[in-house]
Amino acid sequence: MSMTDFLNAEDITKAVGAFTAVDSFDHKKFFQMVGLKKKSPDDVKKVFHILDKDESGFIEEEELGSFLKAFSPDARDLSAKEVKTLLAAGDKDGDDKIGVDEFSALVAES
């Protein structure tokens, strides 16, 4: 599975391109631009499983660093500051990782 199975390739390119500058990443704008906000809960969960590279059932800090690369291989890594911000926004139970329900909530509130 790839992101283009669920999201429009042109939307992905535009969204990734909008955040090329370091420390410019805004997950709310990104989810809207990439079209994830409009997707069904089932599709959002499928995207979560693509982001969960080690298949642990969670998106951990290391996976958040390469968040944009999951959408486009030539995208940049998120900065440490961006990773911390994204983790803080998504991690509702304080376990330093984002579960599928937390990810779905993060997308929904975008």
PDB file of N, CA and C in Angstrom:
ATOM      1  N   MET A   1       0.827  -1.193   0.000  1.00  0.00           N
ATOM      2  CA  MET A   1       0.000   0.000   0.000  1.00  0.00           C
ATOM      3  C   MET A   1       0.868   1.253   0.000  1.00  0.00           C
ATOM      4  N   SER A   2       0.401   2.242  -0.729  1.00  0.00           N
ATOM      5  CA  SER A   2       1.093   3.524  -0.704  1.00  0.00           C
ATOM      6  C   SER A   2       0.075   4.632  -0.485  1.00  0.00           C
ATOM      7  N   MET A   3       0.565   5.799  -0.147  1.00  0.00           N
ATOM      8  CA  MET A   3      -0.326   6.928   0.124  1.00  0.00           C
ATOM      9  C   MET A   3      -1.217   7.249  -1.078  1.00  0.00           C
ATOM     10  N   THR A   4      -0.693   7.043  -2.285  1.00  0.00           N
ATOM     11  CA  THR A   4      -1.484   7.373  -3.478  1.00  0.00           C
ATOM     12  C   THR A   4      -2.649   6.407  -3.698  1.00  0.00           C
ATOM     13  N   ASP A   5      -2.704   5.322  -2.915  1.00  0.00           N
ATOM     14  CA  ASP A   5      -3.876   4.450  -2.952  1.00  0.00           C
ATOM     15  C   ASP A   5      -5.077   5.140  -2.290  1.00  0.00           C
ATOM     16  N   PHE A   6      -4.791   6.113  -1.434  1.00  0.00           N
ATOM     17  CA  PHE A   6      -5.838   6.781  -0.661  1.00  0.00           C
ATOM     18  C   PHE A   6      -5.925   8.283  -0.915  1.00  0.00           C
ATOM     19  N   LEU A   7      -4.802   8.869  -1.337  1.00  0.00           N
ATOM     20  CA  LEU A   7      -4.719  10.319  -1.499  1.00  0.00           C
ATOM     21  C   LEU A   7      -4.269  10.668  -2.907  1.00  0.00           C
ATOM     22  N   ASN A   8      -4.702  11.813  -3.391  1.00  0.00           N
ATOM     23  CA  ASN A   8      -4.347  12.286  -4.722  1.00  0.00           C
ATOM     24  C   ASN A   8      -2.863  12.674  -4.768  1.00  0.00           C
ATOM     25  N   ALA A   9      -2.135  12.163  -5.759  1.00  0.00           N
ATOM     26  CA  ALA A   9      -0.691  12.415  -5.876  1.00  0.00           C
ATOM     27  C   ALA A   9      -0.385  13.909  -5.996  1.00  0.00           C
ATOM     28  N   GLU A  10      -1.217  14.631  -6.714  1.00  0.00           N
ATOM     29  CA  GLU A  10      -1.008  16.073  -6.878  1.00  0.00           C
ATOM     30  C   GLU A  10      -1.181  16.802  -5.537  1.00  0.00           C
ATOM     31  N   ASP A  11      -2.176  16.385  -4.761  1.00  0.00           N
ATOM     32  CA  ASP A  11      -2.389  16.981  -3.431  1.00  0.00           C
ATOM     33  C   ASP A  11      -1.191  16.698  -2.522  1.00  0.00           C
ATOM     34  N   ILE A  12      -0.664  15.487  -2.594  1.00  0.00           N
ATOM     35  CA  ILE A  12       0.511  15.128  -1.791  1.00  0.00           C
ATOM     36  C   ILE A  12       1.686  16.023  -2.159  1.00  0.00           C
ATOM     37  N   THR A  13       1.937  16.174  -3.461  1.00  0.00           N
ATOM     38  CA  THR A  13       3.057  16.998  -3.933  1.00  0.00           C
ATOM     39  C   THR A  13       2.919  18.436  -3.441  1.00  0.00           C
ATOM     40  N   LYS A  14       1.714  18.993  -3.557  1.00  0.00           N
ATOM     41  CA  LYS A  14       1.477  20.373  -3.105  1.00  0.00           C
ATOM     42  C   LYS A  14       1.671  20.496  -1.597  1.00  0.00           C
ATOM     43  N   ALA A  15       1.127  19.553  -0.855  1.00  0.00           N
ATOM     44  CA  ALA A  15       1.207  19.615   0.605  1.00  0.00           C
ATOM     45  C   ALA A  15       2.649  19.490   1.091  1.00  0.00           C
ATOM     46  N   VAL A  16       3.385  18.530   0.547  1.00  0.00           N
ATOM     47  CA  VAL A  16       4.785  18.348   0.940  1.00  0.00           C
ATOM     48  C   VAL A  16       5.593  19.591   0.548  1.00  0.00           C
ATOM     49  N   GLY A  17       5.310  20.133  -0.645  1.00  0.00           N
ATOM     50  CA  GLY A  17       6.016  21.322  -1.126  1.00  0.00           C
ATOM     51  C   GLY A  17       5.764  22.559  -0.289  1.00  0.00           C
ATOM     52  N   ALA A  18       4.617  22.614   0.367  1.00  0.00           N
ATOM     53  CA  ALA A  18       4.279  23.783   1.190  1.00  0.00           C
ATOM     54  C   ALA A  18       5.087  23.845   2.485  1.00  0.00           C
ATOM     55  N   PHE A  19       5.707  22.730   2.844  1.00  0.00           N
ATOM     56  CA  PHE A  19       6.427  22.676   4.116  1.00  0.00           C
ATOM     57  C   PHE A  19       7.899  22.286   3.931  1.00  0.00           C
ATOM     58  N   THR A  20       8.528  22.814   2.881  1.00  0.00           N
ATOM     59  CA  THR A  20       9.928  22.477   2.623  1.00  0.00           C
ATOM     60  C   THR A  20      10.882  23.185   3.587  1.00  0.00           C
ATOM     61  N   ALA A  21      10.470  24.322   4.109  1.00  0.00           N
ATOM     62  CA  ALA A  21      11.333  25.054   5.045  1.00  0.00           C
ATOM     63  C   ALA A  21      11.324  24.358   6.412  1.00  0.00           C
ATOM     64  N   VAL A  22      12.503  24.279   7.014  1.00  0.00           N
ATOM     65  CA  VAL A  22      12.621  23.668   8.332  1.00  0.00           C
ATOM     66  C   VAL A  22      11.767  24.453   9.331  1.00  0.00           C
ATOM     67  N   ASP A  23      11.106  23.722  10.211  1.00  0.00           N
ATOM     68  CA  ASP A  23      10.236  24.281  11.250  1.00  0.00           C
ATOM     69  C   ASP A  23       8.992  24.990  10.698  1.00  0.00           C
ATOM     70  N   SER A  24       8.591  24.632   9.477  1.00  0.00           N
ATOM     71  CA  SER A  24       7.382  25.227   8.900  1.00  0.00           C
ATOM     72  C   SER A  24       6.193  24.270   8.943  1.00  0.00           C
ATOM     73  N   PHE A  25       6.414  23.022   9.376  1.00  0.00           N
ATOM     74  CA  PHE A  25       5.368  22.004   9.307  1.00  0.00           C
ATOM     75  C   PHE A  25       4.221  22.313  10.262  1.00  0.00           C
ATOM     76  N   ASP A  26       3.013  22.262   9.721  1.00  0.00           N
ATOM     77  CA  ASP A  26       1.781  22.463  10.494  1.00  0.00           C
ATOM     78  C   ASP A  26       0.872  21.285  10.158  1.00  0.00           C
ATOM     79  N   HIS A  27       0.699  20.372  11.090  1.00  0.00           N
ATOM     80  CA  HIS A  27      -0.053  19.140  10.796  1.00  0.00           C
ATOM     81  C   HIS A  27      -1.491  19.434  10.384  1.00  0.00           C
ATOM     82  N   LYS A  28      -2.118  20.437  10.968  1.00  0.00           N
ATOM     83  CA  LYS A  28      -3.507  20.745  10.613  1.00  0.00           C
ATOM     84  C   LYS A  28      -3.619  21.166   9.153  1.00  0.00           C
ATOM     85  N   LYS A  29      -2.752  22.082   8.738  1.00  0.00           N
ATOM     86  CA  LYS A  29      -2.762  22.516   7.334  1.00  0.00           C
ATOM     87  C   LYS A  29      -2.380  21.361   6.417  1.00  0.00           C
ATOM     88  N   PHE A  30      -1.399  20.569   6.843  1.00  0.00           N
ATOM     89  CA  PHE A  30      -0.947  19.444   6.026  1.00  0.00           C
ATOM     90  C   PHE A  30      -2.077  18.445   5.789  1.00  0.00           C
ATOM     91  N   PHE A  31      -2.782  18.055   6.849  1.00  0.00           N
ATOM     92  CA  PHE A  31      -3.868  17.080   6.709  1.00  0.00           C
ATOM     93  C   PHE A  31      -4.974  17.607   5.794  1.00  0.00           C
ATOM     94  N   GLN A  32      -5.222  18.910   5.859  1.00  0.00           N
ATOM     95  CA  GLN A  32      -6.232  19.501   4.972  1.00  0.00           C
ATOM     96  C   GLN A  32      -5.740  19.512   3.530  1.00  0.00           C
ATOM     97  N   MET A  33      -4.497  19.968   3.325  1.00  0.00           N
ATOM     98  CA  MET A  33      -3.947  20.078   1.969  1.00  0.00           C
ATOM     99  C   MET A  33      -3.835  18.727   1.269  1.00  0.00           C
ATOM    100  N   VAL A  34      -3.445  17.716   2.022  1.00  0.00           N
ATOM    101  CA  VAL A  34      -3.219  16.394   1.436  1.00  0.00           C
ATOM    102  C   VAL A  34      -4.551  15.650   1.218  1.00  0.00           C
ATOM    103  N   GLY A  35      -5.621  16.187   1.779  1.00  0.00           N
ATOM    104  CA  GLY A  35      -6.936  15.589   1.575  1.00  0.00           C
ATOM    105  C   GLY A  35      -7.321  14.549   2.618  1.00  0.00           C
ATOM    106  N   LEU A  36      -6.490  14.364   3.614  1.00  0.00           N
ATOM    107  CA  LEU A  36      -6.751  13.337   4.633  1.00  0.00           C
ATOM    108  C   LEU A  36      -7.969  13.700   5.477  1.00  0.00           C
ATOM    109  N   LYS A  37      -8.171  14.966   5.702  1.00  0.00           N
ATOM    110  CA  LYS A  37      -9.292  15.448   6.514  1.00  0.00           C
ATOM    111  C   LYS A  37     -10.639  14.995   5.937  1.00  0.00           C
ATOM    112  N   LYS A  38     -10.726  14.856   4.607  1.00  0.00           N
ATOM    113  CA  LYS A  38     -11.980  14.502   3.938  1.00  0.00           C
ATOM    114  C   LYS A  38     -12.175  12.989   3.809  1.00  0.00           C
ATOM    115  N   LYS A  39     -11.210  12.224   4.211  1.00  0.00           N
ATOM    116  CA  LYS A  39     -11.271  10.771   4.031  1.00  0.00           C
ATOM    117  C   LYS A  39     -12.114  10.086   5.104  1.00  0.00           C
ATOM    118  N   SER A  40     -12.572   8.904   4.784  1.00  0.00           N
ATOM    119  CA  SER A  40     -13.364   8.116   5.734  1.00  0.00           C
ATOM    120  C   SER A  40     -12.482   7.676   6.906  1.00  0.00           C
ATOM    121  N   PRO A  41     -13.094   7.397   8.053  1.00  0.00           N
ATOM    122  CA  PRO A  41     -12.312   6.895   9.197  1.00  0.00           C
ATOM    123  C   PRO A  41     -11.492   5.654   8.828  1.00  0.00           C
ATOM    124  N   ASP A  42     -12.031   4.809   7.969  1.00  0.00           N
ATOM    125  CA  ASP A  42     -11.315   3.600   7.546  1.00  0.00           C
ATOM    126  C   ASP A  42     -10.054   3.955   6.753  1.00  0.00           C
ATOM    127  N   ASP A  43     -10.171   4.928   5.840  1.00  0.00           N
ATOM    128  CA  ASP A  43      -9.003   5.361   5.061  1.00  0.00           C
ATOM    129  C   ASP A  43      -7.956   6.028   5.952  1.00  0.00           C
ATOM    130  N   VAL A  44      -8.409   6.799   6.928  1.00  0.00           N
ATOM    131  CA  VAL A  44      -7.472   7.438   7.868  1.00  0.00           C
ATOM    132  C   VAL A  44      -6.685   6.359   8.611  1.00  0.00           C
ATOM    133  N   LYS A  45      -7.366   5.289   9.001  1.00  0.00           N
ATOM    134  CA  LYS A  45      -6.678   4.182   9.685  1.00  0.00           C
ATOM    135  C   LYS A  45      -5.690   3.488   8.759  1.00  0.00           C
ATOM    136  N   LYS A  46      -6.011   3.370   7.492  1.00  0.00           N
ATOM    137  CA  LYS A  46      -5.087   2.759   6.533  1.00  0.00           C
ATOM    138  C   LYS A  46      -3.836   3.619   6.372  1.00  0.00           C
ATOM    139  N   VAL A  47      -4.018   4.928   6.341  1.00  0.00           N
ATOM    140  CA  VAL A  47      -2.872   5.845   6.267  1.00  0.00           C
ATOM    141  C   VAL A  47      -2.026   5.708   7.532  1.00  0.00           C
ATOM    142  N   PHE A  48      -2.660   5.580   8.682  1.00  0.00           N
ATOM    143  CA  PHE A  48      -1.938   5.362   9.940  1.00  0.00           C
ATOM    144  C   PHE A  48      -1.018   4.139   9.821  1.00  0.00           C
ATOM    145  N   HIS A  49      -1.548   3.054   9.252  1.00  0.00           N
ATOM    146  CA  HIS A  49      -0.762   1.823   9.152  1.00  0.00           C
ATOM    147  C   HIS A  49       0.426   1.981   8.204  1.00  0.00           C
ATOM    148  N   ILE A  50       0.324   2.859   7.214  1.00  0.00           N
ATOM    149  CA  ILE A  50       1.475   3.158   6.352  1.00  0.00           C
ATOM    150  C   ILE A  50       2.528   3.930   7.158  1.00  0.00           C
ATOM    151  N   LEU A  51       2.086   4.853   7.987  1.00  0.00           N
ATOM    152  CA  LEU A  51       3.006   5.653   8.810  1.00  0.00           C
ATOM    153  C   LEU A  51       3.670   4.813   9.900  1.00  0.00           C
ATOM    154  N   ASP A  52       2.988   3.773  10.355  1.00  0.00           N
ATOM    155  CA  ASP A  52       3.508   2.869  11.389  1.00  0.00           C
ATOM    156  C   ASP A  52       4.433   1.846  10.723  1.00  0.00           C
ATOM    157  N   LYS A  53       5.610   2.314  10.362  1.00  0.00           N
ATOM    158  CA  LYS A  53       6.543   1.505   9.566  1.00  0.00           C
ATOM    159  C   LYS A  53       6.960   0.195  10.242  1.00  0.00           C
ATOM    160  N   ASP A  54       7.141   0.212  11.555  1.00  0.00           N
ATOM    161  CA  ASP A  54       7.571  -1.012  12.244  1.00  0.00           C
ATOM    162  C   ASP A  54       6.396  -1.898  12.675  1.00  0.00           C
ATOM    163  N   GLU A  55       5.181  -1.488  12.295  1.00  0.00           N
ATOM    164  CA  GLU A  55       3.965  -2.263  12.568  1.00  0.00           C
ATOM    165  C   GLU A  55       3.769  -2.573  14.048  1.00  0.00           C
ATOM    166  N   SER A  56       4.149  -1.609  14.893  1.00  0.00           N
ATOM    167  CA  SER A  56       4.012  -1.786  16.338  1.00  0.00           C
ATOM    168  C   SER A  56       2.613  -1.424  16.834  1.00  0.00           C
ATOM    169  N   GLY A  57       1.822  -0.808  15.956  1.00  0.00           N
ATOM    170  CA  GLY A  57       0.504  -0.330  16.375  1.00  0.00           C
ATOM    171  C   GLY A  57       0.542   1.108  16.861  1.00  0.00           C
ATOM    172  N   PHE A  58       1.732   1.702  16.778  1.00  0.00           N
ATOM    173  CA  PHE A  58       1.922   3.090  17.203  1.00  0.00           C
ATOM    174  C   PHE A  58       2.867   3.800  16.244  1.00  0.00           C
ATOM    175  N   ILE A  59       2.710   5.121  16.157  1.00  0.00           N
ATOM    176  CA  ILE A  59       3.687   5.943  15.444  1.00  0.00           C
ATOM    177  C   ILE A  59       4.573   6.554  16.526  1.00  0.00           C
ATOM    178  N   GLU A  60       5.824   6.103  16.575  1.00  0.00           N
ATOM    179  CA  GLU A  60       6.762   6.589  17.578  1.00  0.00           C
ATOM    180  C   GLU A  60       7.569   7.772  17.039  1.00  0.00           C
ATOM    181  N   GLU A  61       8.344   8.366  17.924  1.00  0.00           N
ATOM    182  CA  GLU A  61       9.125   9.559  17.599  1.00  0.00           C
ATOM    183  C   GLU A  61       9.985   9.382  16.354  1.00  0.00           C
ATOM    184  N   GLU A  62      10.650   8.242  16.232  1.00  0.00           N
ATOM    185  CA  GLU A  62      11.508   7.992  15.066  1.00  0.00           C
ATOM    186  C   GLU A  62      10.694   8.005  13.766  1.00  0.00           C
ATOM    187  N   GLU A  63       9.521   7.410  13.805  1.00  0.00           N
ATOM    188  CA  GLU A  63       8.652   7.381  12.621  1.00  0.00           C
ATOM    189  C   GLU A  63       8.110   8.780  12.306  1.00  0.00           C
ATOM    190  N   LEU A  64       7.891   9.580  13.333  1.00  0.00           N
ATOM    191  CA  LEU A  64       7.439  10.957  13.101  1.00  0.00           C
ATOM    192  C   LEU A  64       8.507  11.774  12.384  1.00  0.00           C
ATOM    193  N   GLY A  65       9.772  11.477  12.639  1.00  0.00           N
ATOM    194  CA  GLY A  65      10.863  12.185  11.972  1.00  0.00           C
ATOM    195  C   GLY A  65      10.794  12.049  10.461  1.00  0.00           C
ATOM    196  N   SER A  66      10.357  10.885   9.994  1.00  0.00           N
ATOM    197  CA  SER A  66      10.263  10.648   8.551  1.00  0.00           C
ATOM    198  C   SER A  66       8.805  10.718   8.062  1.00  0.00           C
ATOM    199  N   PHE A  67       7.973  11.425   8.821  1.00  0.00           N
ATOM    200  CA  PHE A  67       6.548  11.556   8.525  1.00  0.00           C
ATOM    201  C   PHE A  67       6.284  11.980   7.087  1.00  0.00           C
ATOM    202  N   LEU A  68       6.926  13.069   6.641  1.00  0.00           N
ATOM    203  CA  LEU A  68       6.694  13.579   5.284  1.00  0.00           C
ATOM    204  C   LEU A  68       7.175  12.597   4.221  1.00  0.00           C
ATOM    205  N   LYS A  69       8.237  11.859   4.517  1.00  0.00           N
ATOM    206  CA  LYS A  69       8.779  10.892   3.555  1.00  0.00           C
ATOM    207  C   LYS A  69       7.814   9.739   3.299  1.00  0.00           C
ATOM    208  N   ALA A  70       6.926   9.485   4.242  1.00  0.00           N
ATOM    209  CA  ALA A  70       5.906   8.450   4.037  1.00  0.00           C
ATOM    210  C   ALA A  70       4.927   8.881   2.947  1.00  0.00           C
ATOM    211  N   PHE A  71       4.793  10.182   2.765  1.00  0.00           N
ATOM    212  CA  PHE A  71       3.909  10.718   1.735  1.00  0.00           C
ATOM    213  C   PHE A  71       4.644  10.901   0.413  1.00  0.00           C
ATOM    214  N   SER A  72       5.919  11.294   0.499  1.00  0.00           N
ATOM    215  CA  SER A  72       6.731  11.527  -0.700  1.00  0.00           C
ATOM    216  C   SER A  72       8.192  11.228  -0.371  1.00  0.00           C
ATOM    217  N   PRO A  73       8.800  10.228  -1.038  1.00  0.00           N
ATOM    218  CA  PRO A  73      10.160   9.796  -0.691  1.00  0.00           C
ATOM    219  C   PRO A  73      11.225  10.900  -0.746  1.00  0.00           C
ATOM    220  N   ASP A  74      10.997  11.924  -1.572  1.00  0.00           N
ATOM    221  CA  ASP A  74      12.004  12.983  -1.677  1.00  0.00           C
ATOM    222  C   ASP A  74      11.736  14.153  -0.723  1.00  0.00           C
ATOM    223  N   ALA A  75      10.775  13.991   0.165  1.00  0.00           N
ATOM    224  CA  ALA A  75      10.474  15.031   1.163  1.00  0.00           C
ATOM    225  C   ALA A  75      11.571  15.081   2.219  1.00  0.00           C
ATOM    226  N   ARG A  76      11.558  16.152   2.986  1.00  0.00           N
ATOM    227  CA  ARG A  76      12.562  16.306   4.049  1.00  0.00           C
ATOM    228  C   ARG A  76      12.107  15.590   5.326  1.00  0.00           C
ATOM    229  N   ASP A  77      13.055  15.386   6.229  1.00  0.00           N
ATOM    230  CA  ASP A  77      12.729  14.886   7.566  1.00  0.00           C
ATOM    231  C   ASP A  77      12.188  16.054   8.385  1.00  0.00           C
ATOM    232  N   LEU A  78      11.321  15.760   9.333  1.00  0.00           N
ATOM    233  CA  LEU A  78      10.872  16.801  10.252  1.00  0.00           C
ATOM    234  C   LEU A  78      12.003  17.115  11.228  1.00  0.00           C
ATOM    235  N   SER A  79      12.074  18.364  11.655  1.00  0.00           N
ATOM    236  CA  SER A  79      13.073  18.759  12.649  1.00  0.00           C
ATOM    237  C   SER A  79      12.668  18.195  14.011  1.00  0.00           C
ATOM    238  N   ALA A  80      13.603  18.194  14.938  1.00  0.00           N
ATOM    239  CA  ALA A  80      13.309  17.703  16.287  1.00  0.00           C
ATOM    240  C   ALA A  80      12.169  18.509  16.906  1.00  0.00           C
ATOM    241  N   LYS A  81      12.153  19.809  16.672  1.00  0.00           N
ATOM    242  CA  LYS A  81      11.093  20.676  17.194  1.00  0.00           C
ATOM    243  C   LYS A  81       9.733  20.289  16.595  1.00  0.00           C
ATOM    244  N   GLU A  82       9.701  20.031  15.289  1.00  0.00           N
ATOM    245  CA  GLU A  82       8.453  19.641  14.622  1.00  0.00           C
ATOM    246  C   GLU A  82       7.955  18.289  15.121  1.00  0.00           C
ATOM    247  N   VAL A  83       8.882  17.363  15.340  1.00  0.00           N
ATOM    248  CA  VAL A  83       8.517  16.039  15.858  1.00  0.00           C
ATOM    249  C   VAL A  83       7.878  16.185  17.237  1.00  0.00           C
ATOM    250  N   LYS A  84       8.499  16.987  18.097  1.00  0.00           N
ATOM    251  CA  LYS A  84       7.974  17.195  19.456  1.00  0.00           C
ATOM    252  C   LYS A  84       6.582  17.822  19.411  1.00  0.00           C
ATOM    253  N   THR A  85       6.387  18.801  18.529  1.00  0.00           N
ATOM    254  CA  THR A  85       5.089  19.471  18.400  1.00  0.00           C
ATOM    255  C   THR A  85       4.024  18.500  17.917  1.00  0.00           C
ATOM    256  N   LEU A  86       4.354  17.702  16.896  1.00  0.00           N
ATOM    257  CA  LEU A  86       3.409  16.728  16.353  1.00  0.00           C
ATOM    258  C   LEU A  86       3.082  15.652  17.391  1.00  0.00           C
ATOM    259  N   LEU A  87       4.094  15.192  18.093  1.00  0.00           N
ATOM    260  CA  LEU A  87       3.890  14.183  19.129  1.00  0.00           C
ATOM    261  C   LEU A  87       3.003  14.741  20.245  1.00  0.00           C
ATOM    262  N   ALA A  88       3.269  15.967  20.674  1.00  0.00           N
ATOM    263  CA  ALA A  88       2.469  16.592  21.738  1.00  0.00           C
ATOM    264  C   ALA A  88       1.010  16.750  21.299  1.00  0.00           C
ATOM    265  N   ALA A  89       0.798  17.083  20.034  1.00  0.00           N
ATOM    266  CA  ALA A  89      -0.566  17.259  19.520  1.00  0.00           C
ATOM    267  C   ALA A  89      -1.325  15.939  19.447  1.00  0.00           C
ATOM    268  N   GLY A  90      -0.621  14.870  19.099  1.00  0.00           N
ATOM    269  CA  GLY A  90      -1.281  13.592  18.879  1.00  0.00           C
ATOM    270  C   GLY A  90      -1.336  12.653  20.062  1.00  0.00           C
ATOM    271  N   ASP A  91      -0.368  12.770  20.962  1.00  0.00           N
ATOM    272  CA  ASP A  91      -0.256  11.833  22.087  1.00  0.00           C
ATOM    273  C   ASP A  91      -1.144  12.277  23.243  1.00  0.00           C
ATOM    274  N   LYS A  92      -2.372  11.786  23.251  1.00  0.00           N
ATOM    275  CA  LYS A  92      -3.347  12.214  24.267  1.00  0.00           C
ATOM    276  C   LYS A  92      -3.172  11.505  25.608  1.00  0.00           C
ATOM    277  N   ASP A  93      -2.582  10.305  25.605  1.00  0.00           N
ATOM    278  CA  ASP A  93      -2.469   9.560  26.865  1.00  0.00           C
ATOM    279  C   ASP A  93      -1.072   9.646  27.491  1.00  0.00           C
ATOM    280  N   GLY A  94      -0.169  10.419  26.878  1.00  0.00           N
ATOM    281  CA  GLY A  94       1.134  10.678  27.484  1.00  0.00           C
ATOM    282  C   GLY A  94       2.123   9.530  27.442  1.00  0.00           C
ATOM    283  N   ASP A  95       1.944   8.567  26.509  1.00  0.00           N
ATOM    284  CA  ASP A  95       2.869   7.430  26.442  1.00  0.00           C
ATOM    285  C   ASP A  95       3.990   7.624  25.414  1.00  0.00           C
ATOM    286  N   ASP A  96       4.131   8.853  24.899  1.00  0.00           N
ATOM    287  CA  ASP A  96       5.187   9.212  23.937  1.00  0.00           C
ATOM    288  C   ASP A  96       5.084   8.480  22.607  1.00  0.00           C
ATOM    289  N   LYS A  97       3.859   8.134  22.214  1.00  0.00           N
ATOM    290  CA  LYS A  97       3.621   7.551  20.900  1.00  0.00           C
ATOM    291  C   LYS A  97       2.164   7.811  20.538  1.00  0.00           C
ATOM    292  N   ILE A  98       1.865   7.693  19.251  1.00  0.00           N
ATOM    293  CA  ILE A  98       0.520   7.986  18.760  1.00  0.00           C
ATOM    294  C   ILE A  98      -0.124   6.690  18.269  1.00  0.00           C
ATOM    295  N   GLY A  99      -1.227   6.319  18.909  1.00  0.00           N
ATOM    296  CA  GLY A  99      -1.976   5.134  18.506  1.00  0.00           C
ATOM    297  C   GLY A  99      -2.956   5.482  17.393  1.00  0.00           C
ATOM    298  N   VAL A 100      -3.602   4.476  16.846  1.00  0.00           N
ATOM    299  CA  VAL A 100      -4.513   4.685  15.715  1.00  0.00           C
ATOM    300  C   VAL A 100      -5.685   5.595  16.090  1.00  0.00           C
ATOM    301  N   ASP A 101      -6.239   5.435  17.289  1.00  0.00           N
ATOM    302  CA  ASP A 101      -7.345   6.298  17.704  1.00  0.00           C
ATOM    303  C   ASP A 101      -6.876   7.734  17.909  1.00  0.00           C
ATOM    304  N   GLU A 102      -5.672   7.890  18.463  1.00  0.00           N
ATOM    305  CA  GLU A 102      -5.102   9.230  18.645  1.00  0.00           C
ATOM    306  C   GLU A 102      -4.844   9.889  17.289  1.00  0.00           C
ATOM    307  N   PHE A 103      -4.349   9.104  16.338  1.00  0.00           N
ATOM    308  CA  PHE A 103      -4.097   9.644  14.998  1.00  0.00           C
ATOM    309  C   PHE A 103      -5.412  10.061  14.339  1.00  0.00           C
ATOM    310  N   SER A 104      -6.431   9.224  14.458  1.00  0.00           N
ATOM    311  CA  SER A 104      -7.737   9.554  13.882  1.00  0.00           C
ATOM    312  C   SER A 104      -8.284  10.837  14.502  1.00  0.00           C
ATOM    313  N   ALA A 105      -8.134  11.001  15.800  1.00  0.00           N
ATOM    314  CA  ALA A 105      -8.589  12.210  16.483  1.00  0.00           C
ATOM    315  C   ALA A 105      -7.788  13.431  16.014  1.00  0.00           C
ATOM    316  N   LEU A 106      -6.483  13.240  15.827  1.00  0.00           N
ATOM    317  CA  LEU A 106      -5.612  14.329  15.367  1.00  0.00           C
ATOM    318  C   LEU A 106      -6.038  14.815  13.990  1.00  0.00           C
ATOM    319  N   VAL A 107      -6.348  13.897  13.099  1.00  0.00           N
ATOM    320  CA  VAL A 107      -6.821  14.254  11.760  1.00  0.00           C
ATOM    321  C   VAL A 107      -8.187  14.931  11.855  1.00  0.00           C
ATOM    322  N   ALA A 108      -9.074  14.383  12.656  1.00  0.00           N
ATOM    323  CA  ALA A 108     -10.436  14.911  12.786  1.00  0.00           C
ATOM    324  C   ALA A 108     -10.464  16.345  13.297  1.00  0.00           C
ATOM    325  N   GLU A 109      -9.530  16.671  14.195  1.00  0.00           N
ATOM    326  CA  GLU A 109      -9.540  18.025  14.770  1.00  0.00           C
ATOM    327  C   GLU A 109      -8.748  19.024  13.937  1.00  0.00           C
ATOM    328  N   SER A 110      -8.240  18.600  12.810  1.00  0.00           N
ATOM    329  CA  SER A 110      -7.469  19.490  11.931  1.00  0.00           C
ATOM    330  C   SER A 110      -8.370  20.481  11.230  1.00  0.00           C
TER     331      SER A 110
END
